Amino acid sequence: MNRGAGFSPRGTLVPPARTLSTGARMPAIGLGTFGSDHATPTEIAAAVVGAAEVGYRHFDCASVYGNEKQIGEALRQTGIPRDELWITSKVWNDRHDDVIGSCRQSLADLQLDYLDMYLVHWPFPNFHPPHCDVNSRSPNARPYIHENFMKTWRQMEQLVDVGLTRHIGTSNMTIPKLDLLLRDARIKPAVNEMELHPHFQQPELFEYVRACGIEPVGYCPVGSPARPERDRTPEDTVDIEDPVIVDIARRIGVHPAVVCIKWAVQRGQTPIPFSTKRSHYEANLCATMTESLTAEDMVRIAAIDRGCRLIKGQVFLWKQDQSWEDLWDLNGAIAS
């Protein structure tokens, strides 16, 4: 891992960084801005300002979160030079055929001339309204169709060509889908954003993207205890209550969530935890620069992977009586 952590001339903490395939340096921890439906755009904007004050420079945004206008104003208020920031946004499922228009809207809302990273949020163009029930289905939903995804990706590549974003990437992709994209892309994805936490480590996908020169960005890095009710199922487990995580946290004197963040960064992924509480997001940042977990700690955490996917994506299914597993190509083939 490329650490390079320390303090800036302003006295704020400087997180370690990842070197992307382009040579660009991306901060190895970011602030997520989804809000899990319990934080208002105003509260999230305040968290962006506070996080910037303590040293965050990486902010993970998306048009569908409905708060980019407020985040844009918050970024302006920080006064941080643009070249010190790393800003990601994403095209939502209803704009796969208008990627450039979607990106321009995010840039206008965020008050930016360019993005550092722009992602295809989900590989399916299956729209659903915000806050919908988990059983909601779009009447026009369809499976992953590679030729259609490549039409979207060609627009993503155009964004790089014209300077609207410096990098493009994927989110919620699988190995079979990435195999096809890497075969056909002119500009390859710089990152894949994916669910990653101690109870859902995705070792095969994690190693695959790293071997392909793609940086893994991990959402839900502490198991998303505040995720929306619609994303909860009875079989879900709680990372920060795992005896191994609790034991390590007790030994080093931190909250269990901090252990999850330390593990993520040491493992080689870039976590994007979300919190509106200054004590929480500052502790998460400090986790990347304080004493590392021991090799034994890392081995113990590797052994608690339960394969527990929390964000299952049921609303993106395209047929009746389907299981959410069809979205994730668990048998190694793309479901049709």
C-alpha atoms as a PDB file:
ATOM      1  CA  MET A   1       0.000   0.000   0.000  1.00  0.00           C
ATOM      2  CA  ASN A   2       1.155   3.507  -0.772  1.00  0.00           C
ATOM      3  CA  ARG A   3       0.774   5.164   2.587  1.00  0.00           C
ATOM      4  CA  GLY A   4       2.394   8.584   2.513  1.00  0.00           C
ATOM      5  CA  ALA A   5       0.260   9.663   5.462  1.00  0.00           C
ATOM      6  CA  GLY A   6       1.048  12.583   7.702  1.00  0.00           C
ATOM      7  CA  PHE A   7       0.044  16.188   8.237  1.00  0.00           C
ATOM      8  CA  SER A   8      -0.578  18.953   5.707  1.00  0.00           C
ATOM      9  CA  PRO A   9       0.920  22.446   6.013  1.00  0.00           C
ATOM     10  CA  ARG A  10      -2.469  23.465   7.473  1.00  0.00           C
ATOM     11  CA  GLY A  11      -2.012  20.932  10.275  1.00  0.00           C
ATOM     12  CA  THR A  12      -4.790  18.640   9.096  1.00  0.00           C
ATOM     13  CA  LEU A  13      -4.356  14.887   8.805  1.00  0.00           C
ATOM     14  CA  VAL A  14      -3.320  13.649   5.362  1.00  0.00           C
ATOM     15  CA  PRO A  15      -4.540  10.126   4.554  1.00  0.00           C
ATOM     16  CA  PRO A  16      -2.517   7.553   2.659  1.00  0.00           C
ATOM     17  CA  ALA A  17      -3.103   7.293  -1.087  1.00  0.00           C
ATOM     18  CA  ARG A  18      -3.508   4.709  -3.826  1.00  0.00           C
ATOM     19  CA  THR A  19      -1.647   5.049  -7.100  1.00  0.00           C
ATOM     20  CA  LEU A  20      -4.045   4.315  -9.955  1.00  0.00           C
ATOM     21  CA  SER A  21      -3.075   2.754 -13.262  1.00  0.00           C
ATOM     22  CA  THR A  22      -2.816   6.266 -14.714  1.00  0.00           C
ATOM     23  CA  GLY A  23      -0.309   7.303 -12.048  1.00  0.00           C
ATOM     24  CA  ALA A  24      -2.868   9.543 -10.323  1.00  0.00           C
ATOM     25  CA  ARG A  25      -2.957   9.470  -6.526  1.00  0.00           C
ATOM     26  CA  MET A  26      -6.358   8.822  -4.949  1.00  0.00           C
ATOM     27  CA  PRO A  27      -6.769   9.249  -1.169  1.00  0.00           C
ATOM     28  CA  ALA A  28      -7.137   5.787   0.364  1.00  0.00           C
ATOM     29  CA  ILE A  29     -10.185   6.759   2.412  1.00  0.00           C
ATOM     30  CA  GLY A  30     -13.145   8.866   1.379  1.00  0.00           C
ATOM     31  CA  LEU A  31     -16.350  10.184   2.870  1.00  0.00           C
ATOM     32  CA  GLY A  32     -19.450   8.507   1.484  1.00  0.00           C
ATOM     33  CA  THR A  33     -22.408  10.835   0.961  1.00  0.00           C
ATOM     34  CA  PHE A  34     -25.398   8.512   0.485  1.00  0.00           C
ATOM     35  CA  GLY A  35     -26.841   9.269   3.895  1.00  0.00           C
ATOM     36  CA  SER A  36     -28.781   5.984   4.120  1.00  0.00           C
ATOM     37  CA  ASP A  37     -32.068   7.932   3.975  1.00  0.00           C
ATOM     38  CA  HIS A  38     -31.646   9.156   7.562  1.00  0.00           C
ATOM     39  CA  ALA A  39     -29.489  12.241   6.936  1.00  0.00           C
ATOM     40  CA  THR A  40     -30.767  15.292   5.071  1.00  0.00           C
ATOM     41  CA  PRO A  41     -28.811  16.971   2.260  1.00  0.00           C
ATOM     42  CA  THR A  42     -28.085  19.849   4.629  1.00  0.00           C
ATOM     43  CA  GLU A  43     -26.675  17.488   7.259  1.00  0.00           C
ATOM     44  CA  ILE A  44     -24.537  15.726   4.675  1.00  0.00           C
ATOM     45  CA  ALA A  45     -23.219  19.042   3.370  1.00  0.00           C
ATOM     46  CA  ALA A  46     -22.248  20.005   6.921  1.00  0.00           C
ATOM     47  CA  ALA A  47     -20.434  16.681   7.256  1.00  0.00           C
ATOM     48  CA  VAL A  48     -18.509  17.421   4.053  1.00  0.00           C
ATOM     49  CA  VAL A  49     -17.352  20.747   5.478  1.00  0.00           C
ATOM     50  CA  GLY A  50     -16.383  19.166   8.793  1.00  0.00           C
ATOM     51  CA  ALA A  51     -14.638  16.236   7.129  1.00  0.00           C
ATOM     52  CA  ALA A  52     -12.636  18.606   4.961  1.00  0.00           C
ATOM     53  CA  GLU A  53     -11.592  20.508   8.085  1.00  0.00           C
ATOM     54  CA  VAL A  54     -10.125  17.370   9.675  1.00  0.00           C
ATOM     55  CA  GLY A  55      -8.339  16.279   6.507  1.00  0.00           C
ATOM     56  CA  TYR A  56     -10.649  14.414   4.129  1.00  0.00           C
ATOM     57  CA  ARG A  57     -10.014  15.181   0.483  1.00  0.00           C
ATOM     58  CA  HIS A  58     -11.904  12.288  -1.150  1.00  0.00           C
ATOM     59  CA  PHE A  59     -15.706  12.602  -1.409  1.00  0.00           C
ATOM     60  CA  ASP A  60     -17.842   9.903  -3.006  1.00  0.00           C
ATOM     61  CA  CYS A  61     -21.007  11.386  -4.522  1.00  0.00           C
ATOM     62  CA  ALA A  62     -23.805  10.306  -6.864  1.00  0.00           C
ATOM     63  CA  SER A  63     -26.631  12.039  -8.663  1.00  0.00           C
ATOM     64  CA  VAL A  64     -29.235   9.676  -7.213  1.00  0.00           C
ATOM     65  CA  TYR A  65     -28.326  10.686  -3.648  1.00  0.00           C
ATOM     66  CA  GLY A  66     -30.162  13.949  -4.264  1.00  0.00           C
ATOM     67  CA  ASN A  67     -27.650  16.142  -2.439  1.00  0.00           C
ATOM     68  CA  GLU A  68     -25.010  17.170  -4.970  1.00  0.00           C
ATOM     69  CA  LYS A  69     -26.183  20.808  -5.019  1.00  0.00           C
ATOM     70  CA  GLN A  70     -25.687  21.059  -1.266  1.00  0.00           C
ATOM     71  CA  ILE A  71     -22.340  19.254  -1.464  1.00  0.00           C
ATOM     72  CA  GLY A  72     -21.209  21.618  -4.203  1.00  0.00           C
ATOM     73  CA  GLU A  73     -21.881  24.593  -1.972  1.00  0.00           C
ATOM     74  CA  ALA A  74     -20.105  22.841   0.905  1.00  0.00           C
ATOM     75  CA  LEU A  75     -17.028  22.191  -1.230  1.00  0.00           C
ATOM     76  CA  ARG A  76     -16.960  25.841  -2.241  1.00  0.00           C
ATOM     77  CA  GLN A  77     -17.151  26.902   1.391  1.00  0.00           C
ATOM     78  CA  THR A  78     -14.112  24.832   2.338  1.00  0.00           C
ATOM     79  CA  GLY A  79     -11.834  26.981   0.205  1.00  0.00           C
ATOM     80  CA  ILE A  80      -9.674  23.937  -0.538  1.00  0.00           C
ATOM     81  CA  PRO A  81      -7.906  24.230  -3.918  1.00  0.00           C
ATOM     82  CA  ARG A  82      -9.519  22.015  -6.545  1.00  0.00           C
ATOM     83  CA  ASP A  83      -6.343  20.079  -7.235  1.00  0.00           C
ATOM     84  CA  GLU A  84      -6.238  18.923  -3.603  1.00  0.00           C
ATOM     85  CA  LEU A  85      -9.669  17.303  -3.822  1.00  0.00           C
ATOM     86  CA  TRP A  86     -10.764  13.948  -5.202  1.00  0.00           C
ATOM     87  CA  ILE A  87     -14.428  14.018  -6.218  1.00  0.00           C
ATOM     88  CA  THR A  88     -16.328  11.023  -7.537  1.00  0.00           C
ATOM     89  CA  SER A  89     -19.853  10.978  -8.937  1.00  0.00           C
ATOM     90  CA  LYS A  90     -21.973   8.373 -10.726  1.00  0.00           C
ATOM     91  CA  VAL A  91     -24.492   8.064 -13.522  1.00  0.00           C
ATOM     92  CA  TRP A  92     -27.809   6.641 -12.341  1.00  0.00           C
ATOM     93  CA  ASN A  93     -29.714   3.846 -14.044  1.00  0.00           C
ATOM     94  CA  ASP A  94     -32.177   6.107 -15.868  1.00  0.00           C
ATOM     95  CA  ARG A  95     -29.372   8.013 -17.635  1.00  0.00           C
ATOM     96  CA  HIS A  96     -27.397   5.181 -19.241  1.00  0.00           C
ATOM     97  CA  ASP A  97     -28.350   6.642 -22.620  1.00  0.00           C
ATOM     98  CA  ASP A  98     -27.440  10.203 -21.602  1.00  0.00           C
ATOM     99  CA  VAL A  99     -24.189   9.843 -19.689  1.00  0.00           C
ATOM    100  CA  ILE A 100     -22.754  13.144 -20.869  1.00  0.00           C
ATOM    101  CA  GLY A 101     -25.877  15.056 -19.854  1.00  0.00           C
ATOM    102  CA  SER A 102     -25.893  13.353 -16.475  1.00  0.00           C
ATOM    103  CA  CYS A 103     -22.236  14.173 -15.878  1.00  0.00           C
ATOM    104  CA  ARG A 104     -22.719  17.798 -16.860  1.00  0.00           C
ATOM    105  CA  GLN A 105     -25.609  18.071 -14.411  1.00  0.00           C
ATOM    106  CA  SER A 106     -23.481  16.644 -11.582  1.00  0.00           C
ATOM    107  CA  LEU A 107     -20.682  19.056 -12.449  1.00  0.00           C
ATOM    108  CA  ALA A 108     -23.091  21.994 -12.358  1.00  0.00           C
ATOM    109  CA  ASP A 109     -24.553  20.865  -9.041  1.00  0.00           C
ATOM    110  CA  LEU A 110     -21.113  20.232  -7.519  1.00  0.00           C
ATOM    111  CA  GLN A 111     -19.796  23.555  -8.893  1.00  0.00           C
ATOM    112  CA  LEU A 112     -16.880  21.822 -10.586  1.00  0.00           C
ATOM    113  CA  ASP A 113     -15.241  21.968 -14.008  1.00  0.00           C
ATOM    114  CA  TYR A 114     -14.250  18.303 -13.946  1.00  0.00           C
ATOM    115  CA  LEU A 115     -14.567  15.155 -11.844  1.00  0.00           C
ATOM    116  CA  ASP A 116     -11.704  12.986 -10.706  1.00  0.00           C
ATOM    117  CA  MET A 117     -13.795   9.835 -11.146  1.00  0.00           C
ATOM    118  CA  TYR A 118     -17.140   9.064 -12.774  1.00  0.00           C
ATOM    119  CA  LEU A 119     -18.739   5.664 -12.301  1.00  0.00           C
ATOM    120  CA  VAL A 120     -21.575   3.672 -13.810  1.00  0.00           C
ATOM    121  CA  HIS A 121     -23.522   3.245 -10.588  1.00  0.00           C
ATOM    122  CA  TRP A 122     -25.107  -0.115 -11.501  1.00  0.00           C
ATOM    123  CA  PRO A 123     -24.612  -2.209 -14.635  1.00  0.00           C
ATOM    124  CA  PHE A 124     -28.396  -2.434 -15.106  1.00  0.00           C
ATOM    125  CA  PRO A 125     -30.487   0.404 -16.590  1.00  0.00           C
ATOM    126  CA  ASN A 126     -33.342  -0.657 -14.322  1.00  0.00           C
ATOM    127  CA  PHE A 127     -34.812   2.459 -12.782  1.00  0.00           C
ATOM    128  CA  HIS A 128     -36.651   2.575  -9.508  1.00  0.00           C
ATOM    129  CA  PRO A 129     -37.822   5.646  -7.587  1.00  0.00           C
ATOM    130  CA  PRO A 130     -36.079   6.734  -4.377  1.00  0.00           C
ATOM    131  CA  HIS A 131     -37.326   5.115  -1.158  1.00  0.00           C
ATOM    132  CA  CYS A 132     -39.292   2.456  -3.054  1.00  0.00           C
ATOM    133  CA  ASP A 133     -40.239  -0.863  -1.485  1.00  0.00           C
ATOM    134  CA  VAL A 134     -37.755  -3.714  -1.912  1.00  0.00           C
ATOM    135  CA  ASN A 135     -40.329  -5.555  -4.030  1.00  0.00           C
ATOM    136  CA  SER A 136     -40.634  -2.685  -6.508  1.00  0.00           C
ATOM    137  CA  ARG A 137     -39.879  -3.633 -10.132  1.00  0.00           C
ATOM    138  CA  SER A 138     -39.563  -1.419 -13.179  1.00  0.00           C
ATOM    139  CA  PRO A 139     -41.858  -2.608 -15.999  1.00  0.00           C
ATOM    140  CA  ASN A 140     -38.996  -1.902 -18.417  1.00  0.00           C
ATOM    141  CA  ALA A 141     -36.336  -3.732 -16.386  1.00  0.00           C
ATOM    142  CA  ARG A 142     -34.013  -6.047 -18.264  1.00  0.00           C
ATOM    143  CA  PRO A 143     -30.904  -8.113 -17.576  1.00  0.00           C
ATOM    144  CA  TYR A 144     -27.347  -7.069 -18.249  1.00  0.00           C
ATOM    145  CA  ILE A 145     -26.954  -6.809 -22.025  1.00  0.00           C
ATOM    146  CA  HIS A 146     -23.314  -6.277 -22.867  1.00  0.00           C
ATOM    147  CA  GLU A 147     -23.806  -4.458 -26.167  1.00  0.00           C
ATOM    148  CA  ASN A 148     -26.064  -1.957 -24.398  1.00  0.00           C
ATOM    149  CA  PHE A 149     -23.601  -1.527 -21.544  1.00  0.00           C
ATOM    150  CA  MET A 150     -20.855  -0.820 -24.073  1.00  0.00           C
ATOM    151  CA  LYS A 151     -22.964   1.978 -25.561  1.00  0.00           C
ATOM    152  CA  THR A 152     -22.992   3.488 -22.079  1.00  0.00           C
ATOM    153  CA  TRP A 153     -19.270   2.866 -21.652  1.00  0.00           C
ATOM    154  CA  ARG A 154     -18.445   4.576 -24.963  1.00  0.00           C
ATOM    155  CA  GLN A 155     -20.113   7.686 -23.564  1.00  0.00           C
ATOM    156  CA  MET A 156     -18.038   7.290 -20.398  1.00  0.00           C
ATOM    157  CA  GLU A 157     -14.915   7.215 -22.537  1.00  0.00           C
ATOM    158  CA  GLN A 158     -16.052  10.398 -24.278  1.00  0.00           C
ATOM    159  CA  LEU A 159     -16.187  12.115 -20.892  1.00  0.00           C
ATOM    160  CA  VAL A 160     -12.468  11.460 -20.498  1.00  0.00           C
ATOM    161  CA  ASP A 161     -11.771  12.564 -24.066  1.00  0.00           C
ATOM    162  CA  VAL A 162     -13.388  15.972 -23.526  1.00  0.00           C
ATOM    163  CA  GLY A 163     -12.022  16.481 -20.002  1.00  0.00           C
ATOM    164  CA  LEU A 164     -15.242  16.273 -17.997  1.00  0.00           C
ATOM    165  CA  THR A 165     -13.711  13.539 -15.849  1.00  0.00           C
ATOM    166  CA  ARG A 166     -10.145  12.362 -15.431  1.00  0.00           C
ATOM    167  CA  HIS A 167     -11.029   8.730 -14.761  1.00  0.00           C
ATOM    168  CA  ILE A 168     -13.959   6.404 -15.277  1.00  0.00           C
ATOM    169  CA  GLY A 169     -14.909   3.304 -13.382  1.00  0.00           C
ATOM    170  CA  THR A 170     -17.523   0.742 -12.526  1.00  0.00           C
ATOM    171  CA  SER A 171     -19.630  -0.083  -9.506  1.00  0.00           C
ATOM    172  CA  ASN A 172     -21.429  -3.256  -8.478  1.00  0.00           C
ATOM    173  CA  MET A 173     -19.827  -5.262 -11.262  1.00  0.00           C
ATOM    174  CA  THR A 174     -18.970  -8.962 -11.277  1.00  0.00           C
ATOM    175  CA  ILE A 175     -16.081 -10.909 -12.778  1.00  0.00           C
ATOM    176  CA  PRO A 176     -18.071 -12.172 -15.813  1.00  0.00           C
ATOM    177  CA  LYS A 177     -19.222  -8.634 -16.617  1.00  0.00           C
ATOM    178  CA  LEU A 178     -15.759  -7.152 -16.066  1.00  0.00           C
ATOM    179  CA  ASP A 179     -14.236  -9.822 -18.318  1.00  0.00           C
ATOM    180  CA  LEU A 180     -16.364  -8.543 -21.185  1.00  0.00           C
ATOM    181  CA  LEU A 181     -15.765  -4.879 -20.392  1.00  0.00           C
ATOM    182  CA  LEU A 182     -11.998  -5.281 -20.161  1.00  0.00           C
ATOM    183  CA  ARG A 183     -12.042  -7.130 -23.480  1.00  0.00           C
ATOM    184  CA  ASP A 184     -13.935  -4.357 -25.284  1.00  0.00           C
ATOM    185  CA  ALA A 185     -13.098  -1.088 -23.515  1.00  0.00           C
ATOM    186  CA  ARG A 186     -10.831   1.528 -25.063  1.00  0.00           C
ATOM    187  CA  ILE A 187     -10.384   3.174 -21.652  1.00  0.00           C
ATOM    188  CA  LYS A 188     -10.402   0.604 -18.883  1.00  0.00           C
ATOM    189  CA  PRO A 189     -12.051   1.245 -15.510  1.00  0.00           C
ATOM    190  CA  ALA A 190      -9.703   2.747 -12.944  1.00  0.00           C
ATOM    191  CA  VAL A 191     -11.758   1.535  -9.977  1.00  0.00           C
ATOM    192  CA  ASN A 192     -14.575  -0.853  -9.177  1.00  0.00           C
ATOM    193  CA  GLU A 193     -16.755   0.267  -6.292  1.00  0.00           C
ATOM    194  CA  MET A 194     -18.097  -2.752  -4.419  1.00  0.00           C
ATOM    195  CA  GLU A 195     -19.473  -3.844  -1.073  1.00  0.00           C
ATOM    196  CA  LEU A 196     -16.533  -4.765   1.183  1.00  0.00           C
ATOM    197  CA  HIS A 197     -16.470  -5.330   4.935  1.00  0.00           C
ATOM    198  CA  PRO A 198     -15.152  -8.055   7.269  1.00  0.00           C
ATOM    199  CA  HIS A 199     -18.305 -10.177   6.918  1.00  0.00           C
ATOM    200  CA  PHE A 200     -18.304  -9.723   3.117  1.00  0.00           C
ATOM    201  CA  GLN A 201     -14.737  -9.734   1.849  1.00  0.00           C
ATOM    202  CA  GLN A 202     -15.340 -10.889  -1.746  1.00  0.00           C
ATOM    203  CA  PRO A 203     -11.815 -12.350  -2.014  1.00  0.00           C
ATOM    204  CA  GLU A 204     -12.164 -13.625  -5.581  1.00  0.00           C
ATOM    205  CA  LEU A 205     -13.474 -10.339  -6.981  1.00  0.00           C
ATOM    206  CA  PHE A 206     -11.082  -8.336  -4.802  1.00  0.00           C
ATOM    207  CA  GLU A 207      -8.038 -10.182  -6.130  1.00  0.00           C
ATOM    208  CA  TYR A 208      -9.391 -10.134  -9.686  1.00  0.00           C
ATOM    209  CA  VAL A 209      -9.733  -6.359  -9.876  1.00  0.00           C
ATOM    210  CA  ARG A 210      -6.348  -5.787  -8.281  1.00  0.00           C
ATOM    211  CA  ALA A 211      -4.726  -8.193 -10.745  1.00  0.00           C
ATOM    212  CA  CYS A 212      -6.343  -6.189 -13.565  1.00  0.00           C
ATOM    213  CA  GLY A 213      -4.914  -2.906 -12.271  1.00  0.00           C
ATOM    214  CA  ILE A 214      -8.312  -1.753 -10.999  1.00  0.00           C
ATOM    215  CA  GLU A 215      -8.479  -0.267  -7.509  1.00  0.00           C
ATOM    216  CA  PRO A 216     -11.229  -1.701  -5.265  1.00  0.00           C
ATOM    217  CA  VAL A 217     -13.290   0.997  -3.531  1.00  0.00           C
ATOM    218  CA  GLY A 218     -15.324  -0.460  -0.679  1.00  0.00           C
ATOM    219  CA  TYR A 219     -18.754   0.749   0.373  1.00  0.00           C
ATOM    220  CA  CYS A 220     -20.457  -0.373   3.611  1.00  0.00           C
ATOM    221  CA  PRO A 221     -16.962  -0.739   5.151  1.00  0.00           C
ATOM    222  CA  VAL A 222     -18.279  -1.173   8.703  1.00  0.00           C
ATOM    223  CA  GLY A 223     -21.302  -3.210   7.665  1.00  0.00           C
ATOM    224  CA  SER A 224     -23.644  -0.214   7.210  1.00  0.00           C
ATOM    225  CA  PRO A 225     -25.482  -0.458  10.545  1.00  0.00           C
ATOM    226  CA  ALA A 226     -27.619   2.565   9.559  1.00  0.00           C
ATOM    227  CA  ARG A 227     -28.627   1.301   6.101  1.00  0.00           C
ATOM    228  CA  PRO A 228     -32.276   1.715   5.070  1.00  0.00           C
ATOM    229  CA  GLU A 229     -34.778  -0.765   6.454  1.00  0.00           C
ATOM    230  CA  ARG A 230     -35.568  -1.972   2.929  1.00  0.00           C
ATOM    231  CA  ASP A 231     -32.002  -3.283   2.638  1.00  0.00           C
ATOM    232  CA  ARG A 232     -32.237  -5.452   5.767  1.00  0.00           C
ATOM    233  CA  THR A 233     -32.988  -9.175   5.812  1.00  0.00           C
ATOM    234  CA  PRO A 234     -33.188 -11.578   8.767  1.00  0.00           C
ATOM    235  CA  GLU A 235     -29.985 -13.383   7.846  1.00  0.00           C
ATOM    236  CA  ASP A 236     -27.825 -10.228   7.888  1.00  0.00           C
ATOM    237  CA  THR A 237     -24.948 -10.162  10.364  1.00  0.00           C
ATOM    238  CA  VAL A 238     -23.347  -7.222  12.179  1.00  0.00           C
ATOM    239  CA  ASP A 239     -19.622  -6.735  11.654  1.00  0.00           C
ATOM    240  CA  ILE A 240     -19.048  -4.406  14.591  1.00  0.00           C
ATOM    241  CA  GLU A 241     -20.558  -6.998  16.952  1.00  0.00           C
ATOM    242  CA  ASP A 242     -18.313  -9.825  15.745  1.00  0.00           C
ATOM    243  CA  PRO A 243     -16.272 -11.180  18.693  1.00  0.00           C
ATOM    244  CA  VAL A 244     -13.019 -10.929  16.730  1.00  0.00           C
ATOM    245  CA  ILE A 245     -13.603  -7.285  15.794  1.00  0.00           C
ATOM    246  CA  VAL A 246     -14.748  -6.447  19.334  1.00  0.00           C
ATOM    247  CA  ASP A 247     -11.713  -8.182  20.854  1.00  0.00           C
ATOM    248  CA  ILE A 248      -9.244  -6.310  18.654  1.00  0.00           C
ATOM    249  CA  ALA A 249     -11.027  -3.012  19.315  1.00  0.00           C
ATOM    250  CA  ARG A 250     -10.891  -3.573  23.055  1.00  0.00           C
ATOM    251  CA  ARG A 251      -7.188  -4.393  22.926  1.00  0.00           C
ATOM    252  CA  ILE A 252      -6.190  -1.264  21.002  1.00  0.00           C
ATOM    253  CA  GLY A 253      -8.756   1.011  22.650  1.00  0.00           C
ATOM    254  CA  VAL A 254     -10.943   2.007  19.686  1.00  0.00           C
ATOM    255  CA  HIS A 255     -14.506   1.547  18.511  1.00  0.00           C
ATOM    256  CA  PRO A 256     -15.073  -1.666  16.500  1.00  0.00           C
ATOM    257  CA  ALA A 257     -15.879   0.440  13.440  1.00  0.00           C
ATOM    258  CA  VAL A 258     -12.322   1.786  13.505  1.00  0.00           C
ATOM    259  CA  VAL A 259     -10.985  -1.765  13.345  1.00  0.00           C
ATOM    260  CA  CYS A 260     -13.040  -2.340  10.192  1.00  0.00           C
ATOM    261  CA  ILE A 261     -11.558   0.791   8.594  1.00  0.00           C
ATOM    262  CA  LYS A 262      -7.996  -0.119   9.581  1.00  0.00           C
ATOM    263  CA  TRP A 263      -8.491  -3.616   8.161  1.00  0.00           C
ATOM    264  CA  ALA A 264      -9.870  -2.228   4.887  1.00  0.00           C
ATOM    265  CA  VAL A 265      -7.004   0.166   4.255  1.00  0.00           C
ATOM    266  CA  GLN A 266      -4.333  -2.359   5.250  1.00  0.00           C
ATOM    267  CA  ARG A 267      -5.912  -5.003   3.046  1.00  0.00           C
ATOM    268  CA  GLY A 268      -5.600  -2.725   0.034  1.00  0.00           C
ATOM    269  CA  GLN A 269      -9.064  -1.304  -0.572  1.00  0.00           C
ATOM    270  CA  THR A 270     -10.294   2.273  -0.306  1.00  0.00           C
ATOM    271  CA  PRO A 271     -13.192   2.499   2.176  1.00  0.00           C
ATOM    272  CA  ILE A 272     -15.785   5.257   1.870  1.00  0.00           C
ATOM    273  CA  PRO A 273     -17.533   5.272   5.270  1.00  0.00           C
ATOM    274  CA  PHE A 274     -20.361   7.698   5.903  1.00  0.00           C
ATOM    275  CA  SER A 275     -21.128   9.587   9.079  1.00  0.00           C
ATOM    276  CA  THR A 276     -22.448  13.021   9.961  1.00  0.00           C
ATOM    277  CA  LYS A 277     -20.806  12.867  13.413  1.00  0.00           C
ATOM    278  CA  ARG A 278     -17.451  14.598  13.584  1.00  0.00           C
ATOM    279  CA  SER A 279     -16.091  12.221  16.208  1.00  0.00           C
ATOM    280  CA  HIS A 280     -16.886   9.283  13.932  1.00  0.00           C
ATOM    281  CA  TYR A 281     -15.502  10.545  10.632  1.00  0.00           C
ATOM    282  CA  GLU A 282     -12.424  11.928  12.349  1.00  0.00           C
ATOM    283  CA  ALA A 283     -11.814   8.568  14.068  1.00  0.00           C
ATOM    284  CA  ASN A 284     -12.182   6.822  10.704  1.00  0.00           C
ATOM    285  CA  LEU A 285      -9.572   9.097   9.160  1.00  0.00           C
ATOM    286  CA  CYS A 286      -7.209   8.688  12.112  1.00  0.00           C
ATOM    287  CA  ALA A 287      -7.534   4.916  11.714  1.00  0.00           C
ATOM    288  CA  THR A 288      -5.594   5.146   8.457  1.00  0.00           C
ATOM    289  CA  MET A 289      -2.610   6.816  10.105  1.00  0.00           C
ATOM    290  CA  THR A 290      -2.257   5.247  13.527  1.00  0.00           C
ATOM    291  CA  GLU A 291      -0.506   2.001  14.364  1.00  0.00           C
ATOM    292  CA  SER A 292      -1.367  -0.823  11.994  1.00  0.00           C
ATOM    293  CA  LEU A 293      -3.229  -3.966  12.937  1.00  0.00           C
ATOM    294  CA  THR A 294      -0.892  -6.881  13.528  1.00  0.00           C
ATOM    295  CA  ALA A 295      -0.414  -9.681  11.016  1.00  0.00           C
ATOM    296  CA  GLU A 296      -2.282 -11.923  13.450  1.00  0.00           C
ATOM    297  CA  ASP A 297      -5.183  -9.440  13.540  1.00  0.00           C
ATOM    298  CA  MET A 298      -5.382  -9.507   9.755  1.00  0.00           C
ATOM    299  CA  VAL A 299      -5.407 -13.311   9.713  1.00  0.00           C
ATOM    300  CA  ARG A 300      -8.151 -13.419  12.343  1.00  0.00           C
ATOM    301  CA  ILE A 301     -10.307 -10.959  10.414  1.00  0.00           C
ATOM    302  CA  ALA A 302      -9.785 -12.851   7.164  1.00  0.00           C
ATOM    303  CA  ALA A 303     -11.266 -15.900   8.900  1.00  0.00           C
ATOM    304  CA  ILE A 304     -14.579 -14.205   9.827  1.00  0.00           C
ATOM    305  CA  ASP A 305     -15.811 -13.672   6.271  1.00  0.00           C
ATOM    306  CA  ARG A 306     -19.436 -14.854   6.260  1.00  0.00           C
ATOM    307  CA  GLY A 307     -20.305 -14.034   2.678  1.00  0.00           C
ATOM    308  CA  CYS A 308     -22.986 -11.708   4.025  1.00  0.00           C
ATOM    309  CA  ARG A 309     -24.001  -9.322   1.253  1.00  0.00           C
ATOM    310  CA  LEU A 310     -26.031  -6.478   2.758  1.00  0.00           C
ATOM    311  CA  ILE A 311     -26.916  -4.503  -0.389  1.00  0.00           C
ATOM    312  CA  LYS A 312     -28.573  -7.227  -2.404  1.00  0.00           C
ATOM    313  CA  GLY A 313     -30.130  -5.027  -5.111  1.00  0.00           C
ATOM    314  CA  GLN A 314     -33.514  -6.736  -5.340  1.00  0.00           C
ATOM    315  CA  VAL A 315     -35.120  -3.679  -6.961  1.00  0.00           C
ATOM    316  CA  PHE A 316     -32.960  -4.196 -10.056  1.00  0.00           C
ATOM    317  CA  LEU A 317     -34.368  -7.650 -10.879  1.00  0.00           C
ATOM    318  CA  TRP A 318     -36.109  -7.986 -14.236  1.00  0.00           C
ATOM    319  CA  LYS A 319     -38.354 -11.057 -13.899  1.00  0.00           C
ATOM    320  CA  GLN A 320     -40.920 -12.286 -11.429  1.00  0.00           C
ATOM    321  CA  ASP A 321     -39.907 -14.965  -8.951  1.00  0.00           C
ATOM    322  CA  GLN A 322     -36.208 -14.143  -9.315  1.00  0.00           C
ATOM    323  CA  SER A 323     -33.690 -14.261  -6.513  1.00  0.00           C
ATOM    324  CA  TRP A 324     -31.310 -11.389  -5.875  1.00  0.00           C
ATOM    325  CA  GLU A 325     -28.456 -13.832  -6.500  1.00  0.00           C
ATOM    326  CA  ASP A 326     -29.201 -13.506 -10.232  1.00  0.00           C
ATOM    327  CA  LEU A 327     -27.754  -9.994 -10.128  1.00  0.00           C
ATOM    328  CA  TRP A 328     -24.366 -11.199  -8.971  1.00  0.00           C
ATOM    329  CA  ASP A 329     -23.481 -14.033 -11.395  1.00  0.00           C
ATOM    330  CA  LEU A 330     -22.661 -16.417  -8.548  1.00  0.00           C
ATOM    331  CA  ASN A 331     -22.291 -19.390 -10.869  1.00  0.00           C
ATOM    332  CA  GLY A 332     -19.802 -17.570 -13.074  1.00  0.00           C
ATOM    333  CA  ALA A 333     -22.259 -16.783 -15.873  1.00  0.00           C
ATOM    334  CA  ILE A 334     -24.296 -13.638 -16.556  1.00  0.00           C
ATOM    335  CA  ALA A 335     -27.963 -14.293 -15.841  1.00  0.00           C
ATOM    336  CA  SER A 336     -30.379 -13.579 -18.688  1.00  0.00           C
END
